[in-house]
C-alpha atoms as a PDB file:
ATOM      1  CA  MET A   1      24.454   6.395  -0.093  1.00  0.00           C
ATOM      2  CA  PRO A   2      22.483   4.252   2.846  1.00  0.00           C
ATOM      3  CA  TRP A   3      19.195   5.683   3.627  1.00  0.00           C
ATOM      4  CA  SER A   4      18.322   6.253   7.013  1.00  0.00           C
ATOM      5  CA  LYS A   5      14.451   6.956   8.646  1.00  0.00           C
ATOM      6  CA  SER A   6      15.046  11.054   8.205  1.00  0.00           C
ATOM      7  CA  ASN A   7      16.511  10.501   4.258  1.00  0.00           C
ATOM      8  CA  TYR A   8      15.134   8.252   2.195  1.00  0.00           C
ATOM      9  CA  PRO A   9      13.759   8.083  -1.512  1.00  0.00           C
ATOM     10  CA  THR A  10      10.703  10.288  -2.266  1.00  0.00           C
ATOM     11  CA  SER A  11       9.488   6.990  -3.636  1.00  0.00           C
ATOM     12  CA  LEU A  12       9.140   6.038  -0.352  1.00  0.00           C
ATOM     13  CA  LYS A  13       7.303   8.584   1.014  1.00  0.00           C
ATOM     14  CA  ASN A  14       3.611   7.392   0.927  1.00  0.00           C
ATOM     15  CA  LEU A  15       3.995   3.671   2.364  1.00  0.00           C
ATOM     16  CA  ASN A  16       3.024   3.529   5.989  1.00  0.00           C
ATOM     17  CA  SER A  17       5.864   4.143   8.459  1.00  0.00           C
ATOM     18  CA  GLU A  18       6.692   0.220   9.352  1.00  0.00           C
ATOM     19  CA  VAL A  19       6.626  -0.822   5.629  1.00  0.00           C
ATOM     20  CA  ARG A  20       9.084   1.811   5.005  1.00  0.00           C
ATOM     21  CA  GLU A  21      11.485   1.646   7.647  1.00  0.00           C
ATOM     22  CA  LYS A  22      11.849  -2.078   6.429  1.00  0.00           C
ATOM     23  CA  ALA A  23      11.799  -0.833   3.041  1.00  0.00           C
ATOM     24  CA  ILE A  24      15.220   1.201   4.026  1.00  0.00           C
ATOM     25  CA  GLU A  25      16.152  -1.708   5.695  1.00  0.00           C
ATOM     26  CA  ILE A  26      15.845  -4.009   2.959  1.00  0.00           C
ATOM     27  CA  ALA A  27      17.143  -1.107  -0.073  1.00  0.00           C
ATOM     28  CA  ASN A  28      19.981  -0.838   2.443  1.00  0.00           C
ATOM     29  CA  ALA A  29      21.194  -4.344   2.233  1.00  0.00           C
ATOM     30  CA  LEU A  30      20.720  -4.701  -1.608  1.00  0.00           C
ATOM     31  CA  LEU A  31      22.924  -1.472  -2.239  1.00  0.00           C
ATOM     32  CA  ASP A  32      25.729  -3.262  -0.135  1.00  0.00           C
ATOM     33  CA  GLU A  33      25.292  -6.120  -2.912  1.00  0.00           C
ATOM     34  CA  ASN A  34      25.808  -3.433  -5.784  1.00  0.00           C
ATOM     35  CA  TYR A  35      22.066  -3.508  -6.953  1.00  0.00           C
ATOM     36  CA  SER A  36      21.776   0.205  -8.835  1.00  0.00           C
ATOM     37  CA  GLU A  37      19.215   2.159  -6.554  1.00  0.00           C
ATOM     38  CA  ALA A  38      16.346   2.371  -8.618  1.00  0.00           C
ATOM     39  CA  ARG A  39      16.360  -1.899  -8.319  1.00  0.00           C
ATOM     40  CA  ALA A  40      16.756  -1.558  -4.775  1.00  0.00           C
ATOM     41  CA  ILE A  41      14.448   0.501  -4.100  1.00  0.00           C
ATOM     42  CA  SER A  42      11.729  -1.831  -6.318  1.00  0.00           C
ATOM     43  CA  ILE A  43      12.408  -4.462  -4.783  1.00  0.00           C
ATOM     44  CA  ALA A  44      12.917  -3.374  -1.276  1.00  0.00           C
ATOM     45  CA  THR A  45       9.686  -2.160  -1.261  1.00  0.00           C
ATOM     46  CA  ALA A  46       7.982  -4.952  -2.533  1.00  0.00           C
ATOM     47  CA  LYS A  47       9.428  -7.076  -0.059  1.00  0.00           C
ATOM     48  CA  ALA A  48       8.472  -4.543   2.600  1.00  0.00           C
ATOM     49  CA  HIS A  49       5.046  -5.161   1.867  1.00  0.00           C
ATOM     50  CA  GLU A  50       5.484  -8.703   2.285  1.00  0.00           C
ATOM     51  CA  TYR A  51       7.310  -8.952   4.809  1.00  0.00           C
ATOM     52  CA  VAL A  52       4.825  -5.745   6.955  1.00  0.00           C
ATOM     53  CA  GLU A  53       1.733  -6.891   5.621  1.00  0.00           C
ATOM     54  CA  GLY A  54       1.957 -10.771   4.463  1.00  0.00           C
ATOM     55  CA  LYS A  55       1.653 -10.524   1.332  1.00  0.00           C
ATOM     56  CA  SER A  56       3.270 -12.658  -0.491  1.00  0.00           C
ATOM     57  CA  GLU A  57       1.040 -13.678  -3.776  1.00  0.00           C
ATOM     58  CA  GLY A  58       2.146 -10.287  -5.403  1.00  0.00           C
ATOM     59  CA  ARG A  59      -1.256  -8.624  -6.173  1.00  0.00           C
ATOM     60  CA  PRO A  60      -2.056  -5.537  -4.842  1.00  0.00           C
ATOM     61  CA  HIS A  61      -4.241  -4.792  -2.183  1.00  0.00           C
ATOM     62  CA  TYR A  62      -6.473  -1.681  -1.743  1.00  0.00           C
ATOM     63  CA  GLU A  63      -9.067  -1.139   0.665  1.00  0.00           C
ATOM     64  CA  VAL A  64     -12.025   1.289   1.498  1.00  0.00           C
ATOM     65  CA  LYS A  65     -12.403   2.405   4.558  1.00  0.00           C
ATOM     66  CA  SER A  66     -14.540   5.406   5.970  1.00  0.00           C
ATOM     67  CA  ARG A  67     -12.417   8.335   7.738  1.00  0.00           C
ATOM     68  CA  GLU A  68     -14.588  11.147   9.164  1.00  0.00           C
ATOM     69  CA  ASN A  69     -17.775  12.278   6.909  1.00  0.00           C
ATOM     70  CA  GLU A  70     -16.390  10.306   3.626  1.00  0.00           C
ATOM     71  CA  TRP A  71     -15.160   6.975   2.210  1.00  0.00           C
ATOM     72  CA  ILE A  72     -11.893   7.038   1.357  1.00  0.00           C
ATOM     73  CA  PHE A  73     -10.453   4.287  -1.296  1.00  0.00           C
ATOM     74  CA  ARG A  74      -6.671   3.633  -1.442  1.00  0.00           C
ATOM     75  CA  LYS A  75      -3.615   0.729  -1.985  1.00  0.00           C
ATOM     76  CA  ALA A  76      -3.417  -0.639   1.605  1.00  0.00           C
ATOM     77  CA  GLY A  77       0.109   0.995   3.732  1.00  0.00           C
ATOM     78  CA  SER A  78      -0.331   3.816   1.664  1.00  0.00           C
ATOM     79  CA  ASP A  79      -1.706   7.028   3.486  1.00  0.00           C
ATOM     80  CA  HIS A  80      -2.497   8.212  -0.304  1.00  0.00           C
ATOM     81  CA  VAL A  81      -6.574   8.498  -1.006  1.00  0.00           C
ATOM     82  CA  MET A  82      -6.932   7.540  -4.697  1.00  0.00           C
ATOM     83  CA  PHE A  83     -10.679   8.556  -4.301  1.00  0.00           C
ATOM     84  CA  LYS A  84     -13.344   9.263  -1.851  1.00  0.00           C
ATOM     85  CA  GLU A  85     -17.070   9.752  -1.736  1.00  0.00           C
ATOM     86  CA  ASP A  86     -20.006  10.442   0.474  1.00  0.00           C
ATOM     87  CA  THR A  87     -21.115   7.714   0.123  1.00  0.00           C
ATOM     88  CA  LYS A  88     -19.597   3.574   0.395  1.00  0.00           C
ATOM     89  CA  SER A  89     -21.926   2.624  -2.126  1.00  0.00           C
ATOM     90  CA  LEU A  90     -20.711   5.173  -4.964  1.00  0.00           C
ATOM     91  CA  LEU A  91     -16.801   5.044  -3.493  1.00  0.00           C
ATOM     92  CA  LEU A  92     -17.338   0.885  -4.023  1.00  0.00           C
ATOM     93  CA  GLU A  93     -18.707   1.587  -7.564  1.00  0.00           C
ATOM     94  CA  LYS A  94     -15.372   3.197  -8.571  1.00  0.00           C
ATOM     95  CA  ALA A  95     -13.348   1.010  -6.335  1.00  0.00           C
ATOM     96  CA  LYS A  96     -14.133  -2.382  -7.484  1.00  0.00           C
ATOM     97  CA  LYS A  97     -13.715  -1.143 -11.283  1.00  0.00           C
ATOM     98  CA  TYR A  98     -10.236  -0.025 -10.216  1.00  0.00           C
ATOM     99  CA  VAL A  99      -8.892  -3.053  -8.522  1.00  0.00           C
ATOM    100  CA  ASN A 100     -10.546  -5.296 -11.795  1.00  0.00           C
ATOM    101  CA  GLU A 101      -8.245  -2.979 -13.648  1.00  0.00           C
ATOM    102  CA  HIS A 102      -5.185  -3.553 -11.524  1.00  0.00           C
ATOM    103  CA  ASN A 103      -6.147  -7.917 -10.909  1.00  0.00           C
ATOM    104  CA  GLY A 104      -5.943  -6.450  -6.896  1.00  0.00           C
ATOM    105  CA  ILE A 105      -7.323  -7.757  -3.897  1.00  0.00           C
ATOM    106  CA  LEU A 106     -10.127  -5.317  -2.232  1.00  0.00           C
ATOM    107  CA  ASN A 107     -11.200  -5.227   1.602  1.00  0.00           C
ATOM    108  CA  VAL A 108     -13.975  -3.866   2.074  1.00  0.00           C
ATOM    109  CA  PHE A 109     -14.845  -1.971   5.722  1.00  0.00           C
ATOM    110  CA  HIS A 110     -17.598  -1.153   8.176  1.00  0.00           C
ATOM    111  CA  ALA A 111     -17.692   2.575   8.899  1.00  0.00           C
ATOM    112  CA  ASP A 112     -16.199   1.365  12.632  1.00  0.00           C
ATOM    113  CA  GLY A 113     -13.242   0.042  11.218  1.00  0.00           C
ATOM    114  CA  SER A 114     -14.075  -3.617  11.664  1.00  0.00           C
ATOM    115  CA  HIS A 115     -13.944  -6.034   8.205  1.00  0.00           C
ATOM    116  CA  ASP A 116     -16.614  -6.259   6.230  1.00  0.00           C
ATOM    117  CA  HIS A 117     -15.358  -8.326   3.521  1.00  0.00           C
ATOM    118  CA  THR A 118     -12.620  -9.264   0.876  1.00  0.00           C
ATOM    119  CA  LEU A 119     -13.095  -9.256  -2.955  1.00  0.00           C
ATOM    120  CA  TYR A 120     -11.446 -11.231  -5.586  1.00  0.00           C
ATOM    121  CA  GLU A 121      -9.303 -12.951  -3.686  1.00  0.00           C
END
């Protein structure tokens, strides 16, 4: 069954729209090549992130950003907030531990949204 922008697997719902649209395109192509739905979704999600975000090394990317009156930690390209705190320093304590446990890369941003620094590259 081919997917579209309005009808796609629930596992793609938390991706940003650009990554999700690319994942749908890739997954549909894989289905045409007789991949199982589960395998097509998995491959398509990884390849869509690489294509849209330029991430080819396979390590997950996370970010610490300011949002309104709080600081949030999430996987890059996702709208799902994993942790949030009132201060950047409190959030960084949690974020660093999580990113290290998941062999990830952490992008830290200033309150104005500009990039501050990257950890664990």
